[in-house]
Amino acid sequence: MARRVVFHAAASVKLDPSQFPRDEHGNLKPISLCACGVSQKFPICDGTHKRCKDETPGVLYEYDPVTLERREVGVCDVARADASGGSGA
């Protein structure tokens, strides 16, 4: 499973620990970082990855950034992507 992700930002994303969510006792709550590339709150996971669960291995997908509609855009070399840690795109 591979996704083509386009980033438009030209700067880093600062994570400010003072803004991290806390429970009723003031303890820090876990934060999940996006690893699928389709989160609307990137780099924070917003659960959008659930849309990726039925992707077919070896197929390259693209998600519309507004509607999150998925479309197939080609194939990827899964063995090469696994070996390099990249998307194979």
PDB file of N, CA and C in Angstrom:
ATOM      1  N   MET A   1       0.838  -1.169   0.000  1.00  0.00           N
ATOM      2  CA  MET A   1       0.000   0.000   0.000  1.00  0.00           C
ATOM      3  C   MET A   1       0.887   1.236   0.000  1.00  0.00           C
ATOM      4  N   ALA A   2       0.643   2.090  -0.943  1.00  0.00           N
ATOM      5  CA  ALA A   2       1.424   3.323  -1.026  1.00  0.00           C
ATOM      6  C   ALA A   2       0.498   4.474  -1.350  1.00  0.00           C
ATOM      7  N   ARG A   3       0.873   5.644  -0.884  1.00  0.00           N
ATOM      8  CA  ARG A   3       0.088   6.847  -1.125  1.00  0.00           C
ATOM      9  C   ARG A   3       1.001   7.932  -1.644  1.00  0.00           C
ATOM     10  N   ARG A   4       0.519   8.686  -2.603  1.00  0.00           N
ATOM     11  CA  ARG A   4       1.249   9.870  -3.044  1.00  0.00           C
ATOM     12  C   ARG A   4       0.756  11.014  -2.162  1.00  0.00           C
ATOM     13  N   VAL A   5       1.693  11.629  -1.437  1.00  0.00           N
ATOM     14  CA  VAL A   5       1.355  12.717  -0.523  1.00  0.00           C
ATOM     15  C   VAL A   5       2.101  13.960  -0.984  1.00  0.00           C
ATOM     16  N   VAL A   6       1.365  15.060  -1.126  1.00  0.00           N
ATOM     17  CA  VAL A   6       1.964  16.315  -1.558  1.00  0.00           C
ATOM     18  C   VAL A   6       1.916  17.287  -0.391  1.00  0.00           C
ATOM     19  N   PHE A   7       3.090  17.816  -0.037  1.00  0.00           N
ATOM     20  CA  PHE A   7       3.170  18.799   1.038  1.00  0.00           C
ATOM     21  C   PHE A   7       3.387  20.171   0.419  1.00  0.00           C
ATOM     22  N   HIS A   8       2.672  21.169   0.911  1.00  0.00           N
ATOM     23  CA  HIS A   8       2.792  22.526   0.401  1.00  0.00           C
ATOM     24  C   HIS A   8       3.510  23.440   1.377  1.00  0.00           C
ATOM     25  N   ALA A   9       3.715  23.017   2.586  1.00  0.00           N
ATOM     26  CA  ALA A   9       4.373  23.849   3.590  1.00  0.00           C
ATOM     27  C   ALA A   9       5.860  23.972   3.263  1.00  0.00           C
ATOM     28  N   ALA A  10       6.417  25.106   3.607  1.00  0.00           N
ATOM     29  CA  ALA A  10       7.843  25.333   3.371  1.00  0.00           C
ATOM     30  C   ALA A  10       8.553  25.606   4.692  1.00  0.00           C
ATOM     31  N   ALA A  11       7.980  25.101   5.758  1.00  0.00           N
ATOM     32  CA  ALA A  11       8.555  25.314   7.080  1.00  0.00           C
ATOM     33  C   ALA A  11       8.252  24.098   7.946  1.00  0.00           C
ATOM     34  N   SER A  12       8.876  24.068   9.094  1.00  0.00           N
ATOM     35  CA  SER A  12       8.632  22.973  10.024  1.00  0.00           C
ATOM     36  C   SER A  12       7.298  23.176  10.744  1.00  0.00           C
ATOM     37  N   VAL A  13       6.847  22.119  11.386  1.00  0.00           N
ATOM     38  CA  VAL A  13       5.642  22.186  12.208  1.00  0.00           C
ATOM     39  C   VAL A  13       6.094  22.064  13.654  1.00  0.00           C
ATOM     40  N   LYS A  14       5.839  23.071  14.435  1.00  0.00           N
ATOM     41  CA  LYS A  14       6.276  23.074  15.834  1.00  0.00           C
ATOM     42  C   LYS A  14       5.222  22.383  16.701  1.00  0.00           C
ATOM     43  N   LEU A  15       5.677  21.464  17.521  1.00  0.00           N
ATOM     44  CA  LEU A  15       4.808  20.821  18.494  1.00  0.00           C
ATOM     45  C   LEU A  15       5.112  21.451  19.846  1.00  0.00           C
ATOM     46  N   ASP A  16       4.164  22.168  20.392  1.00  0.00           N
ATOM     47  CA  ASP A  16       4.339  22.876  21.658  1.00  0.00           C
ATOM     48  C   ASP A  16       3.770  22.028  22.787  1.00  0.00           C
ATOM     49  N   PRO A  17       4.621  21.457  23.639  1.00  0.00           N
ATOM     50  CA  PRO A  17       4.140  20.582  24.714  1.00  0.00           C
ATOM     51  C   PRO A  17       3.116  21.248  25.637  1.00  0.00           C
ATOM     52  N   SER A  18       3.156  22.564  25.754  1.00  0.00           N
ATOM     53  CA  SER A  18       2.172  23.233  26.623  1.00  0.00           C
ATOM     54  C   SER A  18       0.762  23.119  26.051  1.00  0.00           C
ATOM     55  N   GLN A  19       0.652  22.794  24.762  1.00  0.00           N
ATOM     56  CA  GLN A  19      -0.658  22.659  24.116  1.00  0.00           C
ATOM     57  C   GLN A  19      -1.133  21.208  24.029  1.00  0.00           C
ATOM     58  N   PHE A  20      -0.325  20.281  24.532  1.00  0.00           N
ATOM     59  CA  PHE A  20      -0.701  18.873  24.481  1.00  0.00           C
ATOM     60  C   PHE A  20      -1.927  18.634  25.358  1.00  0.00           C
ATOM     61  N   PRO A  21      -2.804  17.723  24.947  1.00  0.00           N
ATOM     62  CA  PRO A  21      -4.001  17.438  25.747  1.00  0.00           C
ATOM     63  C   PRO A  21      -3.655  16.789  27.087  1.00  0.00           C
ATOM     64  N   ARG A  22      -4.451  17.093  28.076  1.00  0.00           N
ATOM     65  CA  ARG A  22      -4.258  16.540  29.426  1.00  0.00           C
ATOM     66  C   ARG A  22      -5.576  15.959  29.929  1.00  0.00           C
ATOM     67  N   ASP A  23      -5.458  14.985  30.821  1.00  0.00           N
ATOM     68  CA  ASP A  23      -6.662  14.404  31.411  1.00  0.00           C
ATOM     69  C   ASP A  23      -7.123  15.267  32.586  1.00  0.00           C
ATOM     70  N   GLU A  24      -8.142  14.807  33.281  1.00  0.00           N
ATOM     71  CA  GLU A  24      -8.726  15.583  34.379  1.00  0.00           C
ATOM     72  C   GLU A  24      -7.780  15.782  35.564  1.00  0.00           C
ATOM     73  N   HIS A  25      -6.684  15.009  35.595  1.00  0.00           N
ATOM     74  CA  HIS A  25      -5.693  15.129  36.666  1.00  0.00           C
ATOM     75  C   HIS A  25      -4.463  15.934  36.228  1.00  0.00           C
ATOM     76  N   GLY A  26      -4.491  16.445  35.011  1.00  0.00           N
ATOM     77  CA  GLY A  26      -3.371  17.222  34.502  1.00  0.00           C
ATOM     78  C   GLY A  26      -2.267  16.393  33.875  1.00  0.00           C
ATOM     79  N   ASN A  27      -2.470  15.088  33.794  1.00  0.00           N
ATOM     80  CA  ASN A  27      -1.473  14.208  33.179  1.00  0.00           C
ATOM     81  C   ASN A  27      -1.559  14.290  31.653  1.00  0.00           C
ATOM     82  N   LEU A  28      -0.413  14.238  31.023  1.00  0.00           N
ATOM     83  CA  LEU A  28      -0.398  14.269  29.560  1.00  0.00           C
ATOM     84  C   LEU A  28      -1.107  13.053  28.984  1.00  0.00           C
ATOM     85  N   LYS A  29      -1.897  13.290  27.936  1.00  0.00           N
ATOM     86  CA  LYS A  29      -2.565  12.214  27.226  1.00  0.00           C
ATOM     87  C   LYS A  29      -1.716  11.848  26.010  1.00  0.00           C
ATOM     88  N   PRO A  30      -1.814  10.608  25.544  1.00  0.00           N
ATOM     89  CA  PRO A  30      -1.034  10.208  24.368  1.00  0.00           C
ATOM     90  C   PRO A  30      -1.449  11.011  23.133  1.00  0.00           C
ATOM     91  N   ILE A  31      -0.473  11.261  22.280  1.00  0.00           N
ATOM     92  CA  ILE A  31      -0.724  11.924  20.995  1.00  0.00           C
ATOM     93  C   ILE A  31      -0.201  10.988  19.924  1.00  0.00           C
ATOM     94  N   SER A  32      -0.994  10.767  18.887  1.00  0.00           N
ATOM     95  CA  SER A  32      -0.557   9.928  17.779  1.00  0.00           C
ATOM     96  C   SER A  32      -0.141  10.820  16.618  1.00  0.00           C
ATOM     97  N   LEU A  33       1.004  10.497  16.029  1.00  0.00           N
ATOM     98  CA  LEU A  33       1.472  11.225  14.858  1.00  0.00           C
ATOM     99  C   LEU A  33       1.030  10.491  13.602  1.00  0.00           C
ATOM    100  N   CYS A  34       0.705  11.254  12.579  1.00  0.00           N
ATOM    101  CA  CYS A  34       0.235  10.692  11.313  1.00  0.00           C
ATOM    102  C   CYS A  34       1.367   9.968  10.601  1.00  0.00           C
ATOM    103  N   ALA A  35       1.120   8.749  10.171  1.00  0.00           N
ATOM    104  CA  ALA A  35       2.092   7.990   9.388  1.00  0.00           C
ATOM    105  C   ALA A  35       1.548   7.660   7.997  1.00  0.00           C
ATOM    106  N   CYS A  36       0.263   7.946   7.751  1.00  0.00           N
ATOM    107  CA  CYS A  36      -0.332   7.613   6.455  1.00  0.00           C
ATOM    108  C   CYS A  36      -0.266   8.773   5.475  1.00  0.00           C
ATOM    109  N   GLY A  37      -0.145  10.002   5.977  1.00  0.00           N
ATOM    110  CA  GLY A  37      -0.044  11.162   5.107  1.00  0.00           C
ATOM    111  C   GLY A  37      -1.347  11.800   4.710  1.00  0.00           C
ATOM    112  N   VAL A  38      -2.488  11.299   5.180  1.00  0.00           N
ATOM    113  CA  VAL A  38      -3.763  11.876   4.768  1.00  0.00           C
ATOM    114  C   VAL A  38      -4.505  12.602   5.886  1.00  0.00           C
ATOM    115  N   SER A  39      -3.899  12.746   7.043  1.00  0.00           N
ATOM    116  CA  SER A  39      -4.541  13.449   8.156  1.00  0.00           C
ATOM    117  C   SER A  39      -4.819  14.908   7.797  1.00  0.00           C
ATOM    118  N   GLN A  40      -5.990  15.381   8.121  1.00  0.00           N
ATOM    119  CA  GLN A  40      -6.345  16.783   7.906  1.00  0.00           C
ATOM    120  C   GLN A  40      -5.676  17.676   8.955  1.00  0.00           C
ATOM    121  N   LYS A  41      -5.100  17.071   9.999  1.00  0.00           N
ATOM    122  CA  LYS A  41      -4.435  17.816  11.068  1.00  0.00           C
ATOM    123  C   LYS A  41      -2.947  17.467  11.133  1.00  0.00           C
ATOM    124  N   PHE A  42      -2.374  17.076   9.996  1.00  0.00           N
ATOM    125  CA  PHE A  42      -0.980  16.664   9.954  1.00  0.00           C
ATOM    126  C   PHE A  42      -0.099  17.689  10.666  1.00  0.00           C
ATOM    127  N   PRO A  43       0.808  17.275  11.516  1.00  0.00           N
ATOM    128  CA  PRO A  43       1.371  15.942  11.717  1.00  0.00           C
ATOM    129  C   PRO A  43       0.640  15.115  12.772  1.00  0.00           C
ATOM    130  N   ILE A  44      -0.466  15.632  13.302  1.00  0.00           N
ATOM    131  CA  ILE A  44      -1.243  14.903  14.307  1.00  0.00           C
ATOM    132  C   ILE A  44      -2.237  13.975  13.612  1.00  0.00           C
ATOM    133  N   CYS A  45      -2.332  12.754  14.082  1.00  0.00           N
ATOM    134  CA  CYS A  45      -3.292  11.793  13.544  1.00  0.00           C
ATOM    135  C   CYS A  45      -4.706  12.226  13.904  1.00  0.00           C
ATOM    136  N   ASP A  46      -5.604  12.193  12.916  1.00  0.00           N
ATOM    137  CA  ASP A  46      -7.003  12.509  13.180  1.00  0.00           C
ATOM    138  C   ASP A  46      -7.925  11.329  12.880  1.00  0.00           C
ATOM    139  N   GLY A  47      -7.326  10.155  12.657  1.00  0.00           N
ATOM    140  CA  GLY A  47      -8.116   8.946  12.398  1.00  0.00           C
ATOM    141  C   GLY A  47      -8.423   8.719  10.933  1.00  0.00           C
ATOM    142  N   THR A  48      -7.998   9.632  10.054  1.00  0.00           N
ATOM    143  CA  THR A  48      -8.280   9.500   8.632  1.00  0.00           C
ATOM    144  C   THR A  48      -7.671   8.230   8.049  1.00  0.00           C
ATOM    145  N   HIS A  49      -6.635   7.694   8.696  1.00  0.00           N
ATOM    146  CA  HIS A  49      -5.987   6.477   8.202  1.00  0.00           C
ATOM    147  C   HIS A  49      -6.967   5.319   8.067  1.00  0.00           C
ATOM    148  N   LYS A  50      -8.098   5.401   8.734  1.00  0.00           N
ATOM    149  CA  LYS A  50      -9.102   4.332   8.619  1.00  0.00           C
ATOM    150  C   LYS A  50      -9.587   4.193   7.184  1.00  0.00           C
ATOM    151  N   ARG A  51      -9.490   5.281   6.410  1.00  0.00           N
ATOM    152  CA  ARG A  51      -9.873   5.231   4.993  1.00  0.00           C
ATOM    153  C   ARG A  51      -8.885   4.396   4.181  1.00  0.00           C
ATOM    154  N   CYS A  52      -7.698   4.168   4.720  1.00  0.00           N
ATOM    155  CA  CYS A  52      -6.646   3.454   3.992  1.00  0.00           C
ATOM    156  C   CYS A  52      -6.661   1.951   4.257  1.00  0.00           C
ATOM    157  N   LYS A  53      -7.484   1.483   5.177  1.00  0.00           N
ATOM    158  CA  LYS A  53      -7.400   0.092   5.636  1.00  0.00           C
ATOM    159  C   LYS A  53      -7.658  -0.954   4.557  1.00  0.00           C
ATOM    160  N   ASP A  54      -8.407  -0.597   3.511  1.00  0.00           N
ATOM    161  CA  ASP A  54      -8.695  -1.595   2.484  1.00  0.00           C
ATOM    162  C   ASP A  54      -7.915  -1.352   1.192  1.00  0.00           C
ATOM    163  N   GLU A  55      -6.796  -0.620   1.281  1.00  0.00           N
ATOM    164  CA  GLU A  55      -5.946  -0.434   0.110  1.00  0.00           C
ATOM    165  C   GLU A  55      -5.304  -1.769  -0.268  1.00  0.00           C
ATOM    166  N   THR A  56      -5.064  -1.934  -1.544  1.00  0.00           N
ATOM    167  CA  THR A  56      -4.466  -3.158  -2.046  1.00  0.00           C
ATOM    168  C   THR A  56      -2.949  -3.008  -2.136  1.00  0.00           C
ATOM    169  N   PRO A  57      -2.191  -3.950  -1.582  1.00  0.00           N
ATOM    170  CA  PRO A  57      -0.732  -3.878  -1.696  1.00  0.00           C
ATOM    171  C   PRO A  57      -0.308  -3.818  -3.172  1.00  0.00           C
ATOM    172  N   GLY A  58       0.673  -2.978  -3.463  1.00  0.00           N
ATOM    173  CA  GLY A  58       1.176  -2.848  -4.825  1.00  0.00           C
ATOM    174  C   GLY A  58       0.485  -1.779  -5.646  1.00  0.00           C
ATOM    175  N   VAL A  59      -0.585  -1.198  -5.104  1.00  0.00           N
ATOM    176  CA  VAL A  59      -1.320  -0.146  -5.808  1.00  0.00           C
ATOM    177  C   VAL A  59      -0.952   1.196  -5.189  1.00  0.00           C
ATOM    178  N   LEU A  60      -0.749   2.204  -6.047  1.00  0.00           N
ATOM    179  CA  LEU A  60      -0.440   3.555  -5.591  1.00  0.00           C
ATOM    180  C   LEU A  60      -1.726   4.365  -5.581  1.00  0.00           C
ATOM    181  N   TYR A  61      -2.019   5.002  -4.453  1.00  0.00           N
ATOM    182  CA  TYR A  61      -3.250   5.768  -4.293  1.00  0.00           C
ATOM    183  C   TYR A  61      -2.968   7.251  -4.101  1.00  0.00           C
ATOM    184  N   GLU A  62      -3.968   8.048  -4.417  1.00  0.00           N
ATOM    185  CA  GLU A  62      -3.930   9.485  -4.177  1.00  0.00           C
ATOM    186  C   GLU A  62      -5.269   9.838  -3.537  1.00  0.00           C
ATOM    187  N   TYR A  63      -5.222  10.671  -2.507  1.00  0.00           N
ATOM    188  CA  TYR A  63      -6.440  11.100  -1.820  1.00  0.00           C
ATOM    189  C   TYR A  63      -6.666  12.579  -2.079  1.00  0.00           C
ATOM    190  N   ASP A  64      -7.900  12.950  -2.446  1.00  0.00           N
ATOM    191  CA  ASP A  64      -8.222  14.355  -2.634  1.00  0.00           C
ATOM    192  C   ASP A  64      -8.092  15.047  -1.286  1.00  0.00           C
ATOM    193  N   PRO A  65      -7.342  16.161  -1.196  1.00  0.00           N
ATOM    194  CA  PRO A  65      -7.105  16.806   0.100  1.00  0.00           C
ATOM    195  C   PRO A  65      -8.347  17.409   0.744  1.00  0.00           C
ATOM    196  N   VAL A  66      -9.397  17.653  -0.032  1.00  0.00           N
ATOM    197  CA  VAL A  66     -10.619  18.245   0.516  1.00  0.00           C
ATOM    198  C   VAL A  66     -11.661  17.179   0.824  1.00  0.00           C
ATOM    199  N   THR A  67     -11.955  16.331  -0.164  1.00  0.00           N
ATOM    200  CA  THR A  67     -13.026  15.338   0.003  1.00  0.00           C
ATOM    201  C   THR A  67     -12.513  14.014   0.562  1.00  0.00           C
ATOM    202  N   LEU A  68     -11.185  13.808   0.519  1.00  0.00           N
ATOM    203  CA  LEU A  68     -10.535  12.554   0.909  1.00  0.00           C
ATOM    204  C   LEU A  68     -10.962  11.382   0.034  1.00  0.00           C
ATOM    205  N   GLU A  69     -11.516  11.691  -1.134  1.00  0.00           N
ATOM    206  CA  GLU A  69     -11.868  10.641  -2.080  1.00  0.00           C
ATOM    207  C   GLU A  69     -10.587  10.012  -2.600  1.00  0.00           C
ATOM    208  N   ARG A  70     -10.558   8.694  -2.650  1.00  0.00           N
ATOM    209  CA  ARG A  70      -9.369   7.944  -3.054  1.00  0.00           C
ATOM    210  C   ARG A  70      -9.476   7.546  -4.516  1.00  0.00           C
ATOM    211  N   ARG A  71      -8.324   7.607  -5.203  1.00  0.00           N
ATOM    212  CA  ARG A  71      -8.278   7.085  -6.563  1.00  0.00           C
ATOM    213  C   ARG A  71      -6.955   6.377  -6.779  1.00  0.00           C
ATOM    214  N   GLU A  72      -6.985   5.358  -7.614  1.00  0.00           N
ATOM    215  CA  GLU A  72      -5.775   4.627  -7.954  1.00  0.00           C
ATOM    216  C   GLU A  72      -5.026   5.427  -9.012  1.00  0.00           C
ATOM    217  N   VAL A  73      -3.718   5.579  -8.840  1.00  0.00           N
ATOM    218  CA  VAL A  73      -2.926   6.343  -9.798  1.00  0.00           C
ATOM    219  C   VAL A  73      -1.797   5.517 -10.406  1.00  0.00           C
ATOM    220  N   GLY A  74      -1.719   4.263 -10.066  1.00  0.00           N
ATOM    221  CA  GLY A  74      -0.683   3.417 -10.653  1.00  0.00           C
ATOM    222  C   GLY A  74      -0.335   2.253  -9.755  1.00  0.00           C
ATOM    223  N   VAL A  75       0.839   1.714  -9.989  1.00  0.00           N
ATOM    224  CA  VAL A  75       1.335   0.603  -9.183  1.00  0.00           C
ATOM    225  C   VAL A  75       2.650   1.025  -8.566  1.00  0.00           C
ATOM    226  N   CYS A  76       3.043   0.337  -7.528  1.00  0.00           N
ATOM    227  CA  CYS A  76       4.335   0.620  -6.909  1.00  0.00           C
ATOM    228  C   CYS A  76       5.091  -0.676  -6.764  1.00  0.00           C
ATOM    229  N   ASP A  77       6.396  -0.561  -6.718  1.00  0.00           N
ATOM    230  CA  ASP A  77       7.260  -1.704  -6.548  1.00  0.00           C
ATOM    231  C   ASP A  77       7.351  -1.970  -5.043  1.00  0.00           C
ATOM    232  N   VAL A  78       6.494  -2.848  -4.533  1.00  0.00           N
ATOM    233  CA  VAL A  78       6.397  -3.099  -3.098  1.00  0.00           C
ATOM    234  C   VAL A  78       7.725  -3.574  -2.527  1.00  0.00           C
ATOM    235  N   ALA A  79       8.426  -4.463  -3.235  1.00  0.00           N
ATOM    236  CA  ALA A  79       9.700  -4.985  -2.724  1.00  0.00           C
ATOM    237  C   ALA A  79      10.710  -3.854  -2.589  1.00  0.00           C
ATOM    238  N   ARG A  80      10.785  -2.957  -3.573  1.00  0.00           N
ATOM    239  CA  ARG A  80      11.723  -1.833  -3.503  1.00  0.00           C
ATOM    240  C   ARG A  80      11.332  -0.877  -2.383  1.00  0.00           C
ATOM    241  N   ALA A  81      10.043  -0.612  -2.227  1.00  0.00           N
ATOM    242  CA  ALA A  81       9.579   0.297  -1.182  1.00  0.00           C
ATOM    243  C   ALA A  81       9.888  -0.264   0.192  1.00  0.00           C
ATOM    244  N   ASP A  82       9.678  -1.571   0.369  1.00  0.00           N
ATOM    245  CA  ASP A  82       9.963  -2.185   1.661  1.00  0.00           C
ATOM    246  C   ASP A  82      11.456  -2.135   1.991  1.00  0.00           C
ATOM    247  N   ALA A  83      12.291  -2.359   1.000  1.00  0.00           N
ATOM    248  CA  ALA A  83      13.737  -2.385   1.221  1.00  0.00           C
ATOM    249  C   ALA A  83      14.303  -0.998   1.518  1.00  0.00           C
ATOM    250  N   SER A  84      13.732   0.019   0.875  1.00  0.00           N
ATOM    251  CA  SER A  84      14.278   1.364   1.035  1.00  0.00           C
ATOM    252  C   SER A  84      13.584   2.159   2.129  1.00  0.00           C
ATOM    253  N   GLY A  85      12.430   1.671   2.589  1.00  0.00           N
ATOM    254  CA  GLY A  85      11.675   2.410   3.586  1.00  0.00           C
ATOM    255  C   GLY A  85      10.856   3.521   2.961  1.00  0.00           C
ATOM    256  N   GLY A  86      10.873   3.610   1.637  1.00  0.00           N
ATOM    257  CA  GLY A  86      10.143   4.662   0.949  1.00  0.00           C
ATOM    258  C   GLY A  86       8.827   4.179   0.397  1.00  0.00           C
ATOM    259  N   SER A  87       8.179   5.029  -0.401  1.00  0.00           N
ATOM    260  CA  SER A  87       6.866   4.714  -0.944  1.00  0.00           C
ATOM    261  C   SER A  87       6.952   3.966  -2.261  1.00  0.00           C
ATOM    262  N   GLY A  88       8.123   3.949  -2.889  1.00  0.00           N
ATOM    263  CA  GLY A  88       8.244   3.282  -4.180  1.00  0.00           C
ATOM    264  C   GLY A  88       7.737   4.125  -5.305  1.00  0.00           C
ATOM    265  N   ALA A  89       7.292   5.347  -5.036  1.00  0.00           N
ATOM    266  CA  ALA A  89       6.741   6.224  -6.074  1.00  0.00           C
ATOM    267  C   ALA A  89       7.837   7.006  -6.755  1.00  0.00           C
TER     268      ALA A  89
END
